[in-house]
């Protein structure tokens, strides 16, 4: 009996403990449910707050875009149409100076770049040409010579202007004789460009290569062939219009297609064409250039130029030019590249006649070339020249095939053959073989199209 009572008492204790434990678990579950529900309500409140803020910011952005949204770009007009007048800037927009550009990145010490370029040429020709000093590189026939070794500094002066300084050393012939074998160091360029002038104008002043024709602004190491075309060398000298002192301004006209107009006033220091060297009777140079993007068919650049000034003898000399350059680039990797270019010049010059009066001569010349870049390293081309002498009676033509090898953008080698036939004052038949090697150290500004 006592054993039975003990068992009943134990069973009652176990059941009571189980009931109490189950009640405690139920209370914990209810507390967790209440806490979870509170968290859900807080999350929903935060989500609604963020959605309201995002909607308010979106509405504000749409309002700002609606106020400052630019006009939709107009379709490119055909050559027979003009751009709509509504897209043209107002006079106030044109007269307002442009905002200055930002300077270099934070932490950069120098605001300019430094570069060195070297250009070495060998002119193989006959002993007769060497004896007469009438090769393409007169006085330097059958020799390897440094045509131009250049040290250049270029960059930003401040947010309103940039500048360039080029100092070169090269071997040049003396008048009517062979080269002295000495290097002549000279200041080629030193000019500043003002970038924020009104009317969309950019102007530069100092010592420069003026904007004339297609190749005048191209330096010796960046020419498409080893030498400059005969018409340019005859009309202006071996280095063309170089080292002119003066002021030049140019404008990009506010049209749907690219049009650049430049005008310069210089002293006229080119001895071959002008030589006056005085702003009292200045050399005036103007050029208009345009570019047409032909999409998958390539691009076409056209330019027309005019220069007029006074020669050292006090006579008026005017030279006009018309140039064209077409380039097609293959799809995908950007090769092959086909380049076609041509330029014609006409000279109108006053001269003294044998009777002591004033005379007038009219001379013409042109060149054309084609170049095919197979890939980044190899290219081949052919150039043809024809020109009259600027003053004397005579004319010459030349044919120049060439091949180019570029291990990289900073190293280039060329092999060029040139056959020249001259008549009149340049009676000759010349065979020449040019070897060229050029290199670049440091920074080097890229040449334009």
Protein backbone atom coordinates (compact mmCIF):
# COMPACT_ATOMS: atom_id res chain seq x y z
CA UNK A 1 0.00 0.00 0.00
CA UNK A 2 2.77 2.41 0.87
CA UNK A 3 4.59 1.46 -2.30
CA UNK A 4 1.46 2.28 -4.34
CA UNK A 5 1.14 5.66 -2.63
CA UNK A 6 4.74 6.47 -3.29
CA UNK A 7 4.29 5.70 -7.02
CA UNK A 8 1.15 7.87 -7.19
CA UNK A 9 2.92 10.74 -5.49
CA UNK A 10 5.87 10.52 -7.91
CA UNK A 11 3.56 10.43 -10.93
CA UNK A 12 1.77 13.53 -9.65
CA UNK A 13 5.05 15.43 -9.25
CA UNK A 14 6.18 14.54 -12.80
CA UNK A 15 2.86 15.63 -14.29
CA UNK A 16 2.95 18.92 -12.39
CA UNK A 17 6.49 19.65 -13.60
CA UNK A 18 5.54 18.87 -17.19
CA UNK A 19 2.53 21.19 -17.01
CA UNK A 20 4.63 24.00 -15.55
CA UNK A 21 7.41 23.51 -18.18
CA UNK A 22 4.87 23.49 -21.04
CA UNK A 23 3.34 26.69 -19.75
CA UNK A 24 6.76 28.39 -19.60
CA UNK A 25 7.56 27.30 -23.18
CA UNK A 26 4.25 28.67 -24.36
CA UNK A 27 4.94 32.01 -22.71
CA UNK A 28 8.42 32.18 -24.40
CA UNK A 29 6.91 31.46 -27.82
CA UNK A 30 4.33 34.17 -27.36
CA UNK A 31 7.06 36.65 -26.41
CA UNK A 32 9.09 35.74 -29.49
CA UNK A 33 6.04 36.16 -31.71
CA UNK A 34 5.39 39.60 -30.27
CA UNK A 35 9.06 40.65 -30.74
CA UNK A 36 9.09 39.35 -34.34
CA UNK A 37 5.92 41.26 -35.12
CA UNK A 38 7.44 44.44 -33.65
CA UNK A 39 10.56 44.04 -35.85
CA UNK A 40 8.37 43.53 -38.91
CA UNK A 41 6.49 46.73 -38.17
CA UNK A 42 9.77 48.66 -37.70
CA UNK A 43 11.15 47.29 -40.99
CA UNK A 44 7.99 48.26 -42.83
CA UNK A 45 8.21 51.77 -41.39
CA UNK A 46 11.87 52.17 -42.44
CA UNK A 47 11.12 50.81 -45.93
CA UNK A 48 8.28 53.26 -46.41
CA UNK A 49 10.51 56.12 -45.26
CA UNK A 50 13.26 55.19 -47.74
CA UNK A 51 10.74 54.86 -50.58
CA UNK A 52 9.42 58.33 -49.83
CA UNK A 53 12.92 59.81 -49.82
CA UNK A 54 13.86 58.06 -53.09
CA UNK A 55 10.67 59.30 -54.73
CA UNK A 56 11.34 62.86 -53.55
CA UNK A 57 14.92 62.75 -54.89
CA UNK A 58 13.70 61.33 -58.22
CA UNK A 59 11.13 64.08 -58.58
CA UNK A 60 13.78 66.71 -57.80
CA UNK A 61 16.16 65.23 -60.41
CA UNK A 62 13.46 65.29 -63.06
CA UNK A 63 12.75 68.93 -62.30
CA UNK A 64 16.45 69.87 -62.65
CA UNK A 65 16.83 67.90 -65.88
CA UNK A 66 13.73 69.55 -67.25
CA UNK A 67 15.21 73.00 -66.61
CA UNK A 68 18.74 72.33 -68.03
CA UNK A 69 18.05 69.65 -70.65
CA UNK A 70 19.91 70.43 -73.89
CA UNK A 71 18.11 70.54 -77.13
CA UNK A 72 17.96 67.27 -79.03
CA UNK A 73 20.80 67.01 -81.54
CA UNK A 74 19.67 68.05 -84.96
CA UNK A 75 20.34 65.72 -87.88
CA UNK A 76 23.44 66.49 -89.88
CA UNK A 77 22.35 68.66 -92.78
CA UNK A 78 23.26 67.86 -96.34
CA UNK A 79 25.69 70.17 -98.19
CA UNK A 80 22.69 71.95 -99.74
CA UNK A 81 21.05 72.78 -96.42
CA UNK A 82 22.00 74.86 -93.43
CA UNK A 83 21.66 74.24 -89.69
CA UNK A 84 18.42 75.52 -88.07
CA UNK A 85 18.70 79.00 -86.71
CA UNK A 86 17.34 77.86 -83.31
CA UNK A 87 20.51 75.77 -82.72
CA UNK A 88 22.88 78.68 -83.42
CA UNK A 89 24.45 80.37 -80.36
CA UNK A 90 23.35 83.87 -79.53
CA UNK A 91 25.62 86.89 -79.73
CA UNK A 92 25.80 86.92 -75.95
CA UNK A 93 26.98 83.29 -75.97
CA UNK A 94 29.67 84.06 -78.53
CA UNK A 95 30.90 87.17 -76.72
CA UNK A 96 31.09 85.44 -73.33
CA UNK A 97 34.62 84.19 -72.46
CA UNK A 98 34.90 80.46 -72.06
CA UNK A 99 35.49 78.88 -68.69
CA UNK A 100 39.10 77.96 -67.90
CA UNK A 101 40.12 74.35 -67.97
CA UNK A 102 41.20 72.41 -64.90
CA UNK A 103 44.89 72.03 -64.19
CA UNK A 104 46.82 68.83 -63.62
CA UNK A 105 45.76 66.09 -61.24
CA UNK A 106 46.34 66.64 -57.51
CA UNK A 107 49.82 65.67 -56.43
CA UNK A 108 51.42 66.22 -59.83
CA UNK A 109 54.47 68.46 -59.52
CA UNK A 110 54.95 69.55 -63.16
CA UNK A 111 52.20 71.07 -65.27
CA UNK A 112 54.09 70.37 -68.50
CA UNK A 113 55.57 67.43 -70.40
CA UNK A 114 59.12 66.96 -71.64
CA UNK A 115 60.11 65.04 -74.76
CA UNK A 116 63.10 64.41 -76.98
CA UNK A 117 62.95 63.34 -80.61
CA UNK A 118 65.76 62.43 -82.99
CA UNK A 119 65.65 62.26 -86.78
CA UNK A 120 68.65 60.90 -88.75
CA UNK A 121 68.82 60.68 -92.55
CA UNK A 122 71.21 59.23 -95.13
CA UNK A 123 71.09 60.44 -98.75
CA UNK A 124 72.85 58.03 -101.13
CA UNK A 125 73.33 59.52 -104.60
CA UNK A 126 75.83 59.77 -107.44
CA UNK A 127 79.25 61.48 -107.19
CA UNK A 128 77.99 64.12 -109.65
CA UNK A 129 75.16 65.13 -107.34
CA UNK A 130 77.58 65.19 -104.42
CA UNK A 131 80.05 67.35 -106.31
CA UNK A 132 77.38 69.79 -107.47
CA UNK A 133 75.56 69.84 -104.13
CA UNK A 134 72.17 69.64 -105.86
CA UNK A 135 70.67 66.60 -104.14
CA UNK A 136 67.49 66.73 -102.10
CA UNK A 137 69.59 67.39 -99.01
CA UNK A 138 72.09 69.76 -100.62
CA UNK A 139 75.59 69.58 -99.16
CA UNK A 140 74.85 66.40 -97.18
CA UNK A 141 74.89 63.82 -99.96
CA UNK A 142 76.28 60.35 -99.19
CA UNK A 143 76.42 61.01 -95.46
CA UNK A 144 74.47 60.05 -92.37
CA UNK A 145 73.53 63.30 -90.67
CA UNK A 146 71.24 64.43 -87.82
CA UNK A 147 68.54 66.38 -89.60
CA UNK A 148 66.86 67.37 -86.36
CA UNK A 149 67.31 66.48 -82.69
CA UNK A 150 64.64 68.26 -80.73
CA UNK A 151 63.99 69.01 -77.06
CA UNK A 152 60.42 70.08 -76.41
CA UNK A 153 58.43 71.33 -73.45
CA UNK A 154 54.67 71.67 -73.69
CA UNK A 155 51.77 71.90 -71.28
CA UNK A 156 49.52 74.24 -69.34
CA UNK A 157 50.69 77.62 -68.10
CA UNK A 158 47.56 78.14 -66.01
CA UNK A 159 43.82 77.48 -66.49
CA UNK A 160 43.74 80.12 -69.22
CA UNK A 161 46.71 79.26 -71.43
CA UNK A 162 49.07 76.57 -72.67
CA UNK A 163 52.57 76.90 -74.10
CA UNK A 164 55.16 75.04 -76.12
CA UNK A 165 58.94 75.50 -76.40
CA UNK A 166 61.06 73.55 -78.89
CA UNK A 167 64.83 73.74 -79.19
CA UNK A 168 66.49 71.81 -82.02
CA UNK A 169 69.94 70.96 -83.25
CA UNK A 170 70.66 69.85 -86.79
CA UNK A 171 73.17 69.84 -89.60
CA UNK A 172 72.41 72.43 -92.27
CA UNK A 173 74.29 73.26 -95.48
CA UNK A 174 76.08 76.54 -95.98
CA UNK A 175 75.13 78.71 -98.93
CA UNK A 176 76.34 77.05 -102.14
CA UNK A 177 78.78 74.75 -100.38
CA UNK A 178 78.92 71.54 -98.48
CA UNK A 179 77.78 71.29 -94.89
CA UNK A 180 80.18 72.54 -92.25
CA UNK A 181 79.59 69.29 -90.29
CA UNK A 182 78.70 71.42 -87.28
CA UNK A 183 75.37 71.23 -85.50
CA UNK A 184 73.37 74.42 -85.40
CA UNK A 185 71.28 74.88 -82.26
CA UNK A 186 68.28 77.14 -82.59
CA UNK A 187 64.95 77.98 -81.01
CA UNK A 188 62.28 76.51 -83.30
CA UNK A 189 59.14 77.34 -81.38
CA UNK A 190 58.23 79.33 -78.29
CA UNK A 191 54.61 80.37 -78.12
CA UNK A 192 51.67 80.58 -75.76
CA UNK A 193 48.08 79.76 -76.66
CA UNK A 194 45.20 81.65 -75.03
CA UNK A 195 42.30 79.26 -74.55
CA UNK A 196 39.40 81.27 -73.08
CA UNK A 197 38.91 84.25 -75.38
CA UNK A 198 35.44 85.50 -76.41
CA UNK A 199 33.75 84.58 -79.70
CA UNK A 200 35.10 81.04 -79.41
CA UNK A 201 38.56 82.29 -80.35
CA UNK A 202 41.87 80.60 -79.62
CA UNK A 203 44.99 82.68 -80.20
CA UNK A 204 48.71 82.13 -79.87
CA UNK A 205 51.66 84.49 -79.95
CA UNK A 206 55.41 84.07 -80.21
CA UNK A 207 57.61 81.93 -82.46
CA UNK A 208 55.70 79.23 -84.34
CA UNK A 209 54.91 77.22 -87.45
CA UNK A 210 51.93 79.03 -89.02
CA UNK A 211 48.84 77.18 -90.13
CA UNK A 212 49.38 77.05 -93.87
CA UNK A 213 48.47 74.16 -96.12
CA UNK A 214 48.44 70.51 -95.09
CA UNK A 215 52.04 69.77 -94.05
CA UNK A 216 53.48 73.03 -92.75
CA UNK A 217 52.63 72.36 -89.09
CA UNK A 218 54.05 68.81 -89.31
CA UNK A 219 57.58 68.53 -87.90
CA UNK A 220 60.40 66.83 -89.76
CA UNK A 221 60.23 63.52 -87.87
CA UNK A 222 56.45 63.24 -88.44
CA UNK A 223 56.38 63.81 -92.20
CA UNK A 224 54.60 61.12 -94.25
CA UNK A 225 57.79 60.63 -96.29
CA UNK A 226 61.49 61.24 -95.60
CA UNK A 227 61.57 64.60 -97.41
CA UNK A 228 59.05 67.36 -98.01
CA UNK A 229 57.45 67.44 -101.48
CA UNK A 230 59.42 69.36 -104.11
CA UNK A 231 56.81 72.09 -104.56
CA UNK A 232 56.98 72.97 -100.85
CA UNK A 233 60.77 72.88 -100.79
CA UNK A 234 61.02 75.06 -103.92
CA UNK A 235 58.45 77.62 -102.84
CA UNK A 236 59.42 77.90 -99.15
CA UNK A 237 62.69 76.06 -98.54
CA UNK A 238 63.59 72.69 -97.03
CA UNK A 239 61.72 73.29 -93.76
CA UNK A 240 58.81 75.23 -95.31
CA UNK A 241 57.35 78.11 -93.25
CA UNK A 242 59.15 77.68 -89.92
CA UNK A 243 60.19 80.04 -87.14
CA UNK A 244 57.74 82.84 -87.95
CA UNK A 245 57.28 85.52 -85.29
CA UNK A 246 53.82 86.92 -84.82
CA UNK A 247 50.25 86.34 -83.69
CA UNK A 248 47.75 83.80 -84.95
CA UNK A 249 44.08 83.29 -84.08
CA UNK A 250 41.68 80.57 -85.16
CA UNK A 251 38.02 79.80 -84.74
CA UNK A 252 35.96 76.63 -84.91
CA UNK A 253 32.82 77.91 -86.58
CA UNK A 254 29.46 77.06 -84.94
CA UNK A 255 28.21 74.80 -87.72
CA UNK A 256 26.99 71.22 -87.67
CA UNK A 257 30.11 70.14 -89.58
CA UNK A 258 33.68 70.96 -88.58
CA UNK A 259 35.04 74.23 -89.98
CA UNK A 260 38.24 75.87 -88.73
CA UNK A 261 39.29 79.36 -89.80
CA UNK A 262 42.71 80.81 -88.93
CA UNK A 263 44.38 84.16 -89.54
CA UNK A 264 47.95 85.14 -88.69
CA UNK A 265 50.11 88.25 -88.83
CA UNK A 266 53.89 87.65 -88.95
CA UNK A 267 57.12 89.41 -89.66
CA UNK A 268 57.85 87.35 -92.79
CA UNK A 269 61.21 85.75 -91.95
CA UNK A 270 61.17 83.02 -94.60
CA UNK A 271 64.02 83.99 -96.92
CA UNK A 272 62.95 81.78 -99.80
CA UNK A 273 59.46 83.25 -100.17
CA UNK A 274 59.36 86.50 -98.20
CA UNK A 275 62.30 87.68 -96.10
CA UNK A 276 61.14 91.17 -95.19
CA UNK A 277 61.14 90.43 -91.47
CA UNK A 278 59.13 93.49 -90.44
CA UNK A 279 55.63 94.03 -89.07
CA UNK A 280 55.48 97.35 -90.92
CA UNK A 281 54.91 95.27 -94.06
CA UNK A 282 53.73 92.01 -92.53
CA UNK A 283 53.23 88.53 -93.82
CA UNK A 284 49.53 87.66 -93.69
CA UNK A 285 48.47 84.02 -93.64
CA UNK A 286 44.95 82.61 -93.67
CA UNK A 287 43.60 79.08 -93.82
CA UNK A 288 40.17 77.46 -93.90
CA UNK A 289 39.92 73.77 -93.08
CA UNK A 290 36.98 71.41 -92.86
CA UNK A 291 36.49 67.75 -92.07
CA UNK A 292 33.78 65.33 -93.17
CA UNK A 293 33.12 62.13 -91.25
CA UNK A 294 32.09 59.48 -93.77
CA UNK A 295 31.46 56.77 -91.15
CA UNK A 296 32.48 53.33 -92.48
CA UNK A 297 33.82 54.99 -95.65
CA UNK A 298 36.49 56.95 -93.71
CA UNK A 299 37.08 60.68 -93.35
CA UNK A 300 37.93 63.56 -95.69
CA UNK A 301 39.83 66.76 -94.83
CA UNK A 302 39.89 69.79 -97.15
CA UNK A 303 41.91 72.96 -96.68
CA UNK A 304 42.63 76.12 -98.61
CA UNK A 305 45.35 78.61 -97.69
CA UNK A 306 46.77 81.94 -98.74
CA UNK A 307 49.93 83.83 -97.73
CA UNK A 308 50.98 87.25 -98.94
CA UNK A 309 54.01 89.31 -97.98
CA UNK A 310 57.00 91.23 -99.25
CA UNK A 311 60.26 89.69 -100.40
CA UNK A 312 63.70 90.93 -99.36
CA UNK A 313 63.82 92.82 -102.69
CA UNK A 314 60.64 94.71 -101.83
CA UNK A 315 58.37 92.83 -104.24
CA UNK A 316 54.96 91.41 -103.38
CA UNK A 317 54.71 87.62 -103.24
CA UNK A 318 51.42 85.73 -102.83
CA UNK A 319 51.09 81.96 -102.53
CA UNK A 320 47.76 80.12 -102.50
CA UNK A 321 47.18 76.45 -101.84
CA UNK A 322 44.46 73.82 -101.96
CA UNK A 323 44.82 70.47 -100.19
CA UNK A 324 42.83 67.29 -99.62
CA UNK A 325 43.44 64.25 -97.44
CA UNK A 326 41.35 61.09 -97.30
CA UNK A 327 41.79 58.26 -94.81
CA UNK A 328 40.02 54.91 -94.59
CA UNK A 329 40.50 52.63 -91.59
CA UNK A 330 39.63 48.96 -91.72
CA UNK A 331 37.04 47.56 -89.29
CA UNK A 332 37.90 45.56 -86.22
CA UNK A 333 41.55 46.04 -85.26
CA UNK A 334 41.84 49.37 -87.12
CA UNK A 335 43.98 47.99 -89.95
CA UNK A 336 44.62 48.18 -92.81
CA UNK A 337 44.70 51.95 -93.26
CA UNK A 338 44.57 53.68 -96.64
CA UNK A 339 45.67 57.33 -96.92
CA UNK A 340 45.32 59.46 -100.05
CA UNK A 341 46.51 63.07 -100.07
CA UNK A 342 47.24 65.83 -102.56
CA UNK A 343 48.06 69.53 -102.47
CA UNK A 344 48.53 72.16 -105.14
CA UNK A 345 50.21 75.59 -104.84
CA UNK A 346 50.19 78.68 -107.01
CA UNK A 347 52.69 81.52 -106.67
CA UNK A 348 52.21 85.09 -107.90
CA UNK A 349 55.37 87.10 -107.47
CA UNK A 350 56.63 90.47 -108.50
CA UNK A 351 60.15 90.60 -109.97
CA UNK A 352 62.53 93.17 -111.40
CA UNK A 353 62.86 92.96 -115.19
CA UNK A 354 66.06 93.38 -117.21
CA UNK A 355 64.86 96.83 -118.33
CA UNK A 356 64.61 97.96 -114.70
CA UNK A 357 60.82 97.84 -114.51
CA UNK A 358 58.47 95.70 -112.48
CA UNK A 359 57.45 92.32 -113.75
CA UNK A 360 55.24 89.49 -112.60
CA UNK A 361 55.71 85.70 -112.63
CA UNK A 362 53.12 83.00 -112.07
CA UNK A 363 54.26 79.55 -110.95
CA UNK A 364 52.46 76.31 -110.09
CA UNK A 365 53.22 73.00 -108.46
CA UNK A 366 51.59 70.00 -106.81
CA UNK A 367 52.18 66.66 -105.16
CA UNK A 368 50.08 63.57 -104.42
CA UNK A 369 50.75 60.40 -102.48
CA UNK A 370 49.09 57.17 -101.41
CA UNK A 371 50.06 55.09 -98.38
CA UNK A 372 48.81 51.68 -97.32
CA UNK A 373 49.40 50.60 -93.71
CA UNK A 374 49.23 46.82 -93.67
CA UNK A 375 49.39 46.66 -89.87
CA UNK A 376 50.87 48.62 -86.98
CA UNK A 377 54.42 47.96 -88.15
CA UNK A 378 54.52 47.87 -91.93
CA UNK A 379 53.41 50.45 -94.50
CA UNK A 380 54.25 51.29 -98.11
CA UNK A 381 53.53 54.28 -100.28
CA UNK A 382 54.19 56.22 -103.46
CA UNK A 383 54.48 60.00 -103.97
CA UNK A 384 54.58 62.00 -107.17
CA UNK A 385 55.86 65.61 -107.42
CA UNK A 386 55.69 68.27 -110.11
CA UNK A 387 56.66 71.91 -109.72
CA UNK A 388 57.89 74.98 -111.50
CA UNK A 389 60.67 77.10 -110.05
CA UNK A 390 59.27 80.07 -108.10
CA UNK A 391 61.32 82.73 -109.99
CA UNK A 392 63.62 81.22 -112.61
CA UNK A 393 62.53 79.34 -115.71
CA UNK A 394 62.48 75.62 -115.16
CA UNK A 395 60.49 72.75 -113.81
CA UNK A 396 61.00 69.30 -112.34
CA UNK A 397 59.11 66.15 -111.53
CA UNK A 398 59.91 63.29 -109.17
CA UNK A 399 58.63 59.85 -108.25
CA UNK A 400 59.25 58.40 -104.77
CA UNK A 401 58.22 54.88 -103.65
CA UNK A 402 58.94 54.07 -100.02
CA UNK A 403 58.46 51.45 -97.31
CA UNK A 404 58.12 52.06 -93.56
CA UNK A 405 58.75 49.86 -90.53
CA UNK A 406 57.64 50.86 -87.01
CA UNK A 407 58.57 48.49 -84.17
CA UNK A 408 56.50 50.78 -81.93
CA UNK A 409 54.98 54.26 -81.85
CA UNK A 410 58.31 55.61 -80.61
CA UNK A 411 60.66 54.16 -83.24
CA UNK A 412 60.43 54.34 -87.03
CA UNK A 413 62.58 53.40 -90.03
CA UNK A 414 62.03 54.33 -93.67
CA UNK A 415 63.59 53.36 -96.97
CA UNK A 416 62.71 55.69 -99.88
CA UNK A 417 63.87 55.84 -103.48
CA UNK A 418 63.54 59.10 -105.42
CA UNK A 419 64.00 59.73 -109.12
CA UNK A 420 64.04 63.41 -110.17
CA UNK A 421 64.08 64.95 -113.64
CA UNK A 422 64.73 68.69 -113.96
CA UNK A 423 64.63 71.06 -116.90
CA UNK A 424 65.70 74.66 -117.41
CA UNK A 425 67.58 76.15 -114.50
CA UNK A 426 67.50 72.76 -112.70
CA UNK A 427 68.74 70.62 -115.58
CA UNK A 428 69.52 67.25 -113.98
CA UNK A 429 68.56 63.61 -113.68
CA UNK A 430 69.04 62.42 -110.10
CA UNK A 431 68.76 59.01 -108.48
CA UNK A 432 68.67 59.04 -104.67
CA UNK A 433 68.14 56.51 -101.91
CA UNK A 434 67.10 57.74 -98.47
CA UNK A 435 67.42 55.89 -95.19
CA UNK A 436 65.71 57.41 -92.16
CA UNK A 437 65.66 56.48 -88.50
CA UNK A 438 63.70 58.48 -85.93
CA UNK A 439 62.93 57.96 -82.25
CA UNK A 440 61.00 59.59 -79.42
CA UNK A 441 61.88 59.80 -75.73
CA UNK A 442 59.30 60.91 -73.21
CA UNK A 443 56.16 62.76 -74.17
CA UNK A 444 55.35 63.72 -77.73
CA UNK A 445 52.20 65.49 -78.96
CA UNK A 446 50.34 63.56 -81.62
CA UNK A 447 49.99 65.06 -85.06
CA UNK A 448 46.46 65.77 -86.25
CA UNK A 449 44.58 63.88 -88.96
